[in-house]
PDB file of all heavy atoms in Angstrom:
ATOM      1  N   LYS A   1       0.843  -1.191   0.000  1.00  0.00           N
ATOM      2  CA  LYS A   1       0.000   0.000   0.000  1.00  0.00           C
ATOM      3  C   LYS A   1       0.879   1.242   0.000  1.00  0.00           C
ATOM      4  O   LYS A   1       1.799   1.372   0.802  1.00  0.00           O
ATOM      5  CB  LYS A   1      -0.912  -0.005   1.225  1.00  0.00           C
ATOM      6  CG  LYS A   1      -1.964   1.095   1.210  1.00  0.00           C
ATOM      7  CD  LYS A   1      -2.915   0.958   2.393  1.00  0.00           C
ATOM      8  CE  LYS A   1      -3.977   2.051   2.355  1.00  0.00           C
ATOM      9  NZ  LYS A   1      -4.935   1.922   3.502  1.00  0.00           N
ATOM     10  N   ALA A   2       0.596   2.143  -0.916  1.00  0.00           N
ATOM     11  CA  ALA A   2       1.398   3.357  -1.056  1.00  0.00           C
ATOM     12  C   ALA A   2       1.311   4.221   0.195  1.00  0.00           C
ATOM     13  O   ALA A   2       0.258   4.319   0.839  1.00  0.00           O
ATOM     14  CB  ALA A   2       0.930   4.147  -2.264  1.00  0.00           C
ATOM     15  N   THR A   3       2.428   4.860   0.532  1.00  0.00           N
ATOM     16  CA  THR A   3       2.429   5.823   1.635  1.00  0.00           C
ATOM     17  C   THR A   3       1.763   7.112   1.160  1.00  0.00           C
ATOM     18  O   THR A   3       1.538   7.327  -0.042  1.00  0.00           O
ATOM     19  CB  THR A   3       3.867   6.124   2.089  1.00  0.00           C
ATOM     20  OG1 THR A   3       4.554   6.794   1.010  1.00  0.00           O
ATOM     21  CG2 THR A   3       4.608   4.845   2.450  1.00  0.00           C
ATOM     22  N   ALA A   4       1.473   7.997   2.105  1.00  0.00           N
ATOM     23  CA  ALA A   4       0.855   9.272   1.748  1.00  0.00           C
ATOM     24  C   ALA A   4       1.756  10.073   0.815  1.00  0.00           C
ATOM     25  O   ALA A   4       1.281  10.701  -0.140  1.00  0.00           O
ATOM     26  CB  ALA A   4       0.557  10.066   3.024  1.00  0.00           C
ATOM     27  N   ALA A   5       3.064  10.034   1.095  1.00  0.00           N
ATOM     28  CA  ALA A   5       4.009  10.781   0.257  1.00  0.00           C
ATOM     29  C   ALA A   5       4.051  10.206  -1.162  1.00  0.00           C
ATOM     30  O   ALA A   5       4.089  10.956  -2.143  1.00  0.00           O
ATOM     31  CB  ALA A   5       5.403  10.743   0.880  1.00  0.00           C
ATOM     32  N   GLU A   6       4.026   8.879  -1.274  1.00  0.00           N
ATOM     33  CA  GLU A   6       4.048   8.246  -2.595  1.00  0.00           C
ATOM     34  C   GLU A   6       2.772   8.540  -3.372  1.00  0.00           C
ATOM     35  O   GLU A   6       2.811   8.789  -4.582  1.00  0.00           O
ATOM     36  CB  GLU A   6       4.257   6.736  -2.437  1.00  0.00           C
ATOM     37  CG  GLU A   6       5.661   6.364  -1.983  1.00  0.00           C
ATOM     38  CD  GLU A   6       5.805   4.891  -1.674  1.00  0.00           C
ATOM     39  OE1 GLU A   6       4.786   4.243  -1.315  1.00  0.00           O
ATOM     40  OE2 GLU A   6       6.939   4.373  -1.769  1.00  0.00           O
ATOM     41  N   LYS A   7       1.649   8.523  -2.683  1.00  0.00           N
ATOM     42  CA  LYS A   7       0.378   8.863  -3.341  1.00  0.00           C
ATOM     43  C   LYS A   7       0.422  10.280  -3.893  1.00  0.00           C
ATOM     44  O   LYS A   7      -0.053  10.537  -5.010  1.00  0.00           O
ATOM     45  CB  LYS A   7      -0.784   8.721  -2.358  1.00  0.00           C
ATOM     46  CG  LYS A   7      -1.146   7.292  -2.025  1.00  0.00           C
ATOM     47  CD  LYS A   7      -2.319   7.254  -1.037  1.00  0.00           C
ATOM     48  CE  LYS A   7      -2.698   5.820  -0.693  1.00  0.00           C
ATOM     49  NZ  LYS A   7      -3.813   5.772   0.291  1.00  0.00           N
ATOM     50  N   GLN A   8       0.999  11.191  -3.117  1.00  0.00           N
ATOM     51  CA  GLN A   8       1.077  12.586  -3.547  1.00  0.00           C
ATOM     52  C   GLN A   8       1.987  12.733  -4.768  1.00  0.00           C
ATOM     53  O   GLN A   8       1.656  13.467  -5.708  1.00  0.00           O
ATOM     54  CB  GLN A   8       1.580  13.460  -2.399  1.00  0.00           C
ATOM     55  CG  GLN A   8       1.656  14.942  -2.714  1.00  0.00           C
ATOM     56  CD  GLN A   8       0.298  15.562  -3.009  1.00  0.00           C
ATOM     57  OE1 GLN A   8      -0.746  14.993  -2.658  1.00  0.00           O
ATOM     58  NE2 GLN A   8       0.284  16.717  -3.658  1.00  0.00           N
ATOM     59  N   ILE A   9       3.124  12.045  -4.755  1.00  0.00           N
ATOM     60  CA  ILE A   9       4.061  12.100  -5.889  1.00  0.00           C
ATOM     61  C   ILE A   9       3.376  11.637  -7.168  1.00  0.00           C
ATOM     62  O   ILE A   9       3.482  12.282  -8.218  1.00  0.00           O
ATOM     63  CB  ILE A   9       5.307  11.245  -5.600  1.00  0.00           C
ATOM     64  CG1 ILE A   9       6.169  11.906  -4.523  1.00  0.00           C
ATOM     65  CG2 ILE A   9       6.133  11.022  -6.867  1.00  0.00           C
ATOM     66  CD1 ILE A   9       7.280  11.009  -3.997  1.00  0.00           C
ATOM     67  N   LEU A  10       2.662  10.523  -7.082  1.00  0.00           N
ATOM     68  CA  LEU A  10       1.997   9.977  -8.270  1.00  0.00           C
ATOM     69  C   LEU A  10       0.784  10.821  -8.675  1.00  0.00           C
ATOM     70  O   LEU A  10       0.516  10.997  -9.869  1.00  0.00           O
ATOM     71  CB  LEU A  10       1.572   8.531  -8.015  1.00  0.00           C
ATOM     72  CG  LEU A  10       2.738   7.541  -7.847  1.00  0.00           C
ATOM     73  CD1 LEU A  10       2.226   6.171  -7.421  1.00  0.00           C
ATOM     74  CD2 LEU A  10       3.521   7.415  -9.147  1.00  0.00           C
ATOM     75  N   LYS A  11       0.080  11.350  -7.691  1.00  0.00           N
ATOM     76  CA  LYS A  11      -1.099  12.187  -7.987  1.00  0.00           C
ATOM     77  C   LYS A  11      -0.706  13.430  -8.784  1.00  0.00           C
ATOM     78  O   LYS A  11      -1.421  13.845  -9.703  1.00  0.00           O
ATOM     79  CB  LYS A  11      -1.791  12.580  -6.686  1.00  0.00           C
ATOM     80  CG  LYS A  11      -3.076  13.379  -6.900  1.00  0.00           C
ATOM     81  CD  LYS A  11      -3.734  13.720  -5.570  1.00  0.00           C
ATOM     82  CE  LYS A  11      -5.002  14.537  -5.781  1.00  0.00           C
ATOM     83  NZ  LYS A  11      -5.653  14.900  -4.480  1.00  0.00           N
ATOM     84  N   LEU A  12       0.440  14.016  -8.438  1.00  0.00           N
ATOM     85  CA  LEU A  12       0.911  15.211  -9.150  1.00  0.00           C
ATOM     86  C   LEU A  12       1.174  14.918 -10.622  1.00  0.00           C
ATOM     87  O   LEU A  12       1.127  15.816 -11.465  1.00  0.00           O
ATOM     88  CB  LEU A  12       2.185  15.746  -8.491  1.00  0.00           C
ATOM     89  CG  LEU A  12       2.010  16.406  -7.118  1.00  0.00           C
ATOM     90  CD1 LEU A  12       3.369  16.729  -6.494  1.00  0.00           C
ATOM     91  CD2 LEU A  12       1.170  17.680  -7.242  1.00  0.00           C
ATOM     92  N   GLN A  13       1.458  13.652 -10.937  1.00  0.00           N
ATOM     93  CA  GLN A  13       1.707  13.250 -12.326  1.00  0.00           C
ATOM     94  C   GLN A  13       0.461  12.647 -12.979  1.00  0.00           C
ATOM     95  O   GLN A  13       0.522  12.199 -14.128  1.00  0.00           O
ATOM     96  CB  GLN A  13       2.844  12.222 -12.375  1.00  0.00           C
ATOM     97  CG  GLN A  13       4.170  12.729 -11.858  1.00  0.00           C
ATOM     98  CD  GLN A  13       4.793  13.762 -12.772  1.00  0.00           C
ATOM     99  OE1 GLN A  13       4.479  13.845 -13.964  1.00  0.00           O
ATOM    100  NE2 GLN A  13       5.686  14.585 -12.227  1.00  0.00           N
ATOM    101  N   GLY A  14      -0.652  12.607 -12.238  1.00  0.00           N
ATOM    102  CA  GLY A  14      -1.879  12.022 -12.768  1.00  0.00           C
ATOM    103  C   GLY A  14      -1.808  10.513 -12.894  1.00  0.00           C
ATOM    104  O   GLY A  14      -2.457   9.914 -13.766  1.00  0.00           O
ATOM    105  N   LEU A  15      -1.041   9.866 -11.996  1.00  0.00           N
ATOM    106  CA  LEU A  15      -0.837   8.419 -12.073  1.00  0.00           C
ATOM    107  C   LEU A  15      -1.484   7.722 -10.886  1.00  0.00           C
ATOM    108  O   LEU A  15      -1.533   8.267  -9.777  1.00  0.00           O
ATOM    109  CB  LEU A  15       0.666   8.099 -12.090  1.00  0.00           C
ATOM    110  CG  LEU A  15       1.433   8.543 -13.336  1.00  0.00           C
ATOM    111  CD1 LEU A  15       2.930   8.485 -13.097  1.00  0.00           C
ATOM    112  CD2 LEU A  15       1.047   7.676 -14.537  1.00  0.00           C
ATOM    113  N   PRO A  16      -1.977   6.487 -11.071  1.00  0.00           N
ATOM    114  CA  PRO A  16      -2.586   5.748  -9.964  1.00  0.00           C
ATOM    115  C   PRO A  16      -1.529   5.221  -8.999  1.00  0.00           C
ATOM    116  O   PRO A  16      -0.353   5.094  -9.343  1.00  0.00           O
ATOM    117  CB  PRO A  16      -3.296   4.588 -10.674  1.00  0.00           C
ATOM    118  CG  PRO A  16      -2.498   4.366 -11.922  1.00  0.00           C
ATOM    119  CD  PRO A  16      -2.026   5.742 -12.345  1.00  0.00           C
ATOM    120  N   SER A  17      -1.963   4.882  -7.786  1.00  0.00           N
ATOM    121  CA  SER A  17      -1.021   4.407  -6.764  1.00  0.00           C
ATOM    122  C   SER A  17      -1.409   3.047  -6.205  1.00  0.00           C
ATOM    123  O   SER A  17      -0.939   2.649  -5.135  1.00  0.00           O
ATOM    124  CB  SER A  17      -0.915   5.423  -5.629  1.00  0.00           C
ATOM    125  OG  SER A  17      -2.196   5.648  -5.047  1.00  0.00           O
ATOM    126  N   ASP A  18      -2.271   2.322  -6.923  1.00  0.00           N
ATOM    127  CA  ASP A  18      -2.767   1.057  -6.377  1.00  0.00           C
ATOM    128  C   ASP A  18      -2.053  -0.178  -6.945  1.00  0.00           C
ATOM    129  O   ASP A  18      -2.459  -1.302  -6.688  1.00  0.00           O
ATOM    130  CB  ASP A  18      -4.274   0.920  -6.616  1.00  0.00           C
ATOM    131  CG  ASP A  18      -4.654   1.088  -8.083  1.00  0.00           C
ATOM    132  OD1 ASP A  18      -3.751   1.347  -8.903  1.00  0.00           O
ATOM    133  OD2 ASP A  18      -5.847   0.953  -8.409  1.00  0.00           O
ATOM    134  N   GLY A  19      -0.973   0.013  -7.719  1.00  0.00           N
ATOM    135  CA  GLY A  19      -0.280  -1.143  -8.283  1.00  0.00           C
ATOM    136  C   GLY A  19       1.190  -1.201  -7.913  1.00  0.00           C
ATOM    137  O   GLY A  19       1.994  -1.824  -8.628  1.00  0.00           O
ATOM    138  N   LEU A  20       1.564  -0.577  -6.812  1.00  0.00           N
ATOM    139  CA  LEU A  20       2.981  -0.491  -6.448  1.00  0.00           C
ATOM    140  C   LEU A  20       3.522  -1.836  -5.959  1.00  0.00           C
ATOM    141  O   LEU A  20       2.834  -2.600  -5.288  1.00  0.00           O
ATOM    142  CB  LEU A  20       3.192   0.566  -5.377  1.00  0.00           C
ATOM    143  CG  LEU A  20       2.734   1.993  -5.703  1.00  0.00           C
ATOM    144  CD1 LEU A  20       3.153   2.942  -4.591  1.00  0.00           C
ATOM    145  CD2 LEU A  20       3.291   2.449  -7.032  1.00  0.00           C
ATOM    146  N   LYS A  21       4.783  -2.087  -6.307  1.00  0.00           N
ATOM    147  CA  LYS A  21       5.445  -3.315  -5.855  1.00  0.00           C
ATOM    148  C   LYS A  21       6.868  -2.995  -5.404  1.00  0.00           C
ATOM    149  O   LYS A  21       7.470  -2.021  -5.841  1.00  0.00           O
ATOM    150  CB  LYS A  21       5.515  -4.348  -6.989  1.00  0.00           C
ATOM    151  CG  LYS A  21       4.182  -4.916  -7.423  1.00  0.00           C
ATOM    152  CD  LYS A  21       4.372  -5.954  -8.520  1.00  0.00           C
ATOM    153  CE  LYS A  21       3.042  -6.518  -8.982  1.00  0.00           C
ATOM    154  NZ  LYS A  21       3.222  -7.523 -10.082  1.00  0.00           N
ATOM    155  N   HIS A  22       7.386  -3.838  -4.528  1.00  0.00           N
ATOM    156  CA  HIS A  22       8.808  -3.800  -4.213  1.00  0.00           C
ATOM    157  C   HIS A  22       9.296  -5.230  -4.026  1.00  0.00           C
ATOM    158  O   HIS A  22       8.499  -6.151  -3.850  1.00  0.00           O
ATOM    159  CB  HIS A  22       9.110  -2.935  -2.988  1.00  0.00           C
ATOM    160  CG  HIS A  22       8.437  -3.390  -1.723  1.00  0.00           C
ATOM    161  ND1 HIS A  22       8.229  -2.562  -0.655  1.00  0.00           N
ATOM    162  CD2 HIS A  22       7.904  -4.590  -1.354  1.00  0.00           C
ATOM    163  CE1 HIS A  22       7.618  -3.215   0.306  1.00  0.00           C
ATOM    164  NE2 HIS A  22       7.419  -4.451  -0.099  1.00  0.00           N
ATOM    165  N   GLY A  23      10.612  -5.407  -4.093  1.00  0.00           N
ATOM    166  CA  GLY A  23      11.176  -6.734  -3.932  1.00  0.00           C
ATOM    167  C   GLY A  23      11.584  -6.968  -2.491  1.00  0.00           C
ATOM    168  O   GLY A  23      12.241  -6.122  -1.878  1.00  0.00           O
ATOM    169  N   ALA A  24      11.201  -8.112  -1.953  1.00  0.00           N
ATOM    170  CA  ALA A  24      11.542  -8.427  -0.567  1.00  0.00           C
ATOM    171  C   ALA A  24      13.007  -8.808  -0.419  1.00  0.00           C
ATOM    172  O   ALA A  24      13.568  -8.715   0.678  1.00  0.00           O
ATOM    173  CB  ALA A  24      10.657  -9.570  -0.068  1.00  0.00           C
ATOM    174  N   GLY A  25      13.639  -9.210  -1.527  1.00  0.00           N
ATOM    175  CA  GLY A  25      15.030  -9.659  -1.482  1.00  0.00           C
ATOM    176  C   GLY A  25      15.093 -11.177  -1.479  1.00  0.00           C
ATOM    177  O   GLY A  25      14.429 -11.827  -0.655  1.00  0.00           O
ATOM    178  N   CYS A  26      15.850 -11.741  -2.405  1.00  0.00           N
ATOM    179  CA  CYS A  26      15.965 -13.195  -2.500  1.00  0.00           C
ATOM    180  C   CYS A  26      17.317 -13.544  -3.127  1.00  0.00           C
ATOM    181  O   CYS A  26      18.106 -12.660  -3.468  1.00  0.00           O
ATOM    182  CB  CYS A  26      14.816 -13.774  -3.329  1.00  0.00           C
ATOM    183  SG  CYS A  26      14.809 -13.241  -5.072  1.00  0.00           S
ATOM    184  N   ASP A  27      17.563 -14.836  -3.307  1.00  0.00           N
ATOM    185  CA  ASP A  27      18.829 -15.269  -3.901  1.00  0.00           C
ATOM    186  C   ASP A  27      18.976 -14.784  -5.340  1.00  0.00           C
ATOM    187  O   ASP A  27      20.081 -14.465  -5.783  1.00  0.00           O
ATOM    188  CB  ASP A  27      18.937 -16.797  -3.851  1.00  0.00           C
ATOM    189  CG  ASP A  27      19.130 -17.325  -2.435  1.00  0.00           C
ATOM    190  OD1 ASP A  27      19.525 -16.523  -1.561  1.00  0.00           O
ATOM    191  OD2 ASP A  27      18.869 -18.521  -2.205  1.00  0.00           O
ATOM    192  N   ALA A  28      17.863 -14.749  -6.061  1.00  0.00           N
ATOM    193  CA  ALA A  28      17.921 -14.361  -7.477  1.00  0.00           C
ATOM    194  C   ALA A  28      18.424 -12.938  -7.660  1.00  0.00           C
ATOM    195  O   ALA A  28      19.113 -12.627  -8.634  1.00  0.00           O
ATOM    196  CB  ALA A  28      16.544 -14.524  -8.129  1.00  0.00           C
ATOM    197  N   CYS A  29      18.081 -12.061  -6.712  1.00  0.00           N
ATOM    198  CA  CYS A  29      18.493 -10.652  -6.820  1.00  0.00           C
ATOM    199  C   CYS A  29      19.574 -10.287  -5.819  1.00  0.00           C
ATOM    200  O   CYS A  29      19.851  -9.112  -5.601  1.00  0.00           O
ATOM    201  CB  CYS A  29      17.286  -9.731  -6.655  1.00  0.00           C
ATOM    202  SG  CYS A  29      16.443  -9.853  -5.057  1.00  0.00           S
ATOM    203  N   ARG A  30      20.170 -11.284  -5.185  1.00  0.00           N
ATOM    204  CA  ARG A  30      21.205 -11.090  -4.168  1.00  0.00           C
ATOM    205  C   ARG A  30      20.730 -10.183  -3.030  1.00  0.00           C
ATOM    206  O   ARG A  30      21.486  -9.373  -2.490  1.00  0.00           O
ATOM    207  CB  ARG A  30      22.486 -10.524  -4.779  1.00  0.00           C
ATOM    208  CG  ARG A  30      23.108 -11.404  -5.845  1.00  0.00           C
ATOM    209  CD  ARG A  30      24.507 -10.919  -6.189  1.00  0.00           C
ATOM    210  NE  ARG A  30      25.063 -11.615  -7.322  1.00  0.00           N
ATOM    211  CZ  ARG A  30      25.577 -12.851  -7.283  1.00  0.00           C
ATOM    212  NH1 ARG A  30      25.570 -13.513  -6.148  1.00  0.00           N
ATOM    213  NH2 ARG A  30      26.055 -13.413  -8.360  1.00  0.00           N
ATOM    214  N   GLY A  31      19.441 -10.288  -2.724  1.00  0.00           N
ATOM    215  CA  GLY A  31      18.902  -9.544  -1.602  1.00  0.00           C
ATOM    216  C   GLY A  31      18.612  -8.081  -1.872  1.00  0.00           C
ATOM    217  O   GLY A  31      18.207  -7.351  -0.963  1.00  0.00           O
ATOM    218  N   THR A  32      18.780  -7.624  -3.126  1.00  0.00           N
ATOM    219  CA  THR A  32      18.592  -6.199  -3.424  1.00  0.00           C
ATOM    220  C   THR A  32      17.140  -5.831  -3.682  1.00  0.00           C
ATOM    221  O   THR A  32      16.760  -4.667  -3.559  1.00  0.00           O
ATOM    222  CB  THR A  32      19.410  -5.795  -4.663  1.00  0.00           C
ATOM    223  OG1 THR A  32      18.920  -6.497  -5.815  1.00  0.00           O
ATOM    224  CG2 THR A  32      20.883  -6.113  -4.469  1.00  0.00           C
ATOM    225  N   GLY A  33      16.316  -6.811  -4.082  1.00  0.00           N
ATOM    226  CA  GLY A  33      14.940  -6.513  -4.461  1.00  0.00           C
ATOM    227  C   GLY A  33      14.799  -6.095  -5.906  1.00  0.00           C
ATOM    228  O   GLY A  33      13.681  -5.847  -6.384  1.00  0.00           O
ATOM    229  N   TYR A  34      15.929  -6.002  -6.623  1.00  0.00           N
ATOM    230  CA  TYR A  34      15.915  -5.617  -8.036  1.00  0.00           C
ATOM    231  C   TYR A  34      16.670  -6.657  -8.867  1.00  0.00           C
ATOM    232  O   TYR A  34      17.675  -7.223  -8.415  1.00  0.00           O
ATOM    233  CB  TYR A  34      16.599  -4.261  -8.241  1.00  0.00           C
ATOM    234  CG  TYR A  34      15.947  -3.100  -7.534  1.00  0.00           C
ATOM    235  CD1 TYR A  34      16.423  -2.663  -6.294  1.00  0.00           C
ATOM    236  CD2 TYR A  34      14.871  -2.427  -8.098  1.00  0.00           C
ATOM    237  CE1 TYR A  34      15.849  -1.587  -5.643  1.00  0.00           C
ATOM    238  CE2 TYR A  34      14.285  -1.343  -7.453  1.00  0.00           C
ATOM    239  CZ  TYR A  34      14.777  -0.931  -6.227  1.00  0.00           C
ATOM    240  OH  TYR A  34      14.207   0.140  -5.584  1.00  0.00           O
TER     241      TYR A  34
END
């Protein structure tokens, strides 16, 4: 769920905030989430 600050950043660009993702970190990404 987007934070208030993230919602504001996306709202200023006219973009939705209900599809945000992040990586928890795993072996495939060496723990970076990317």
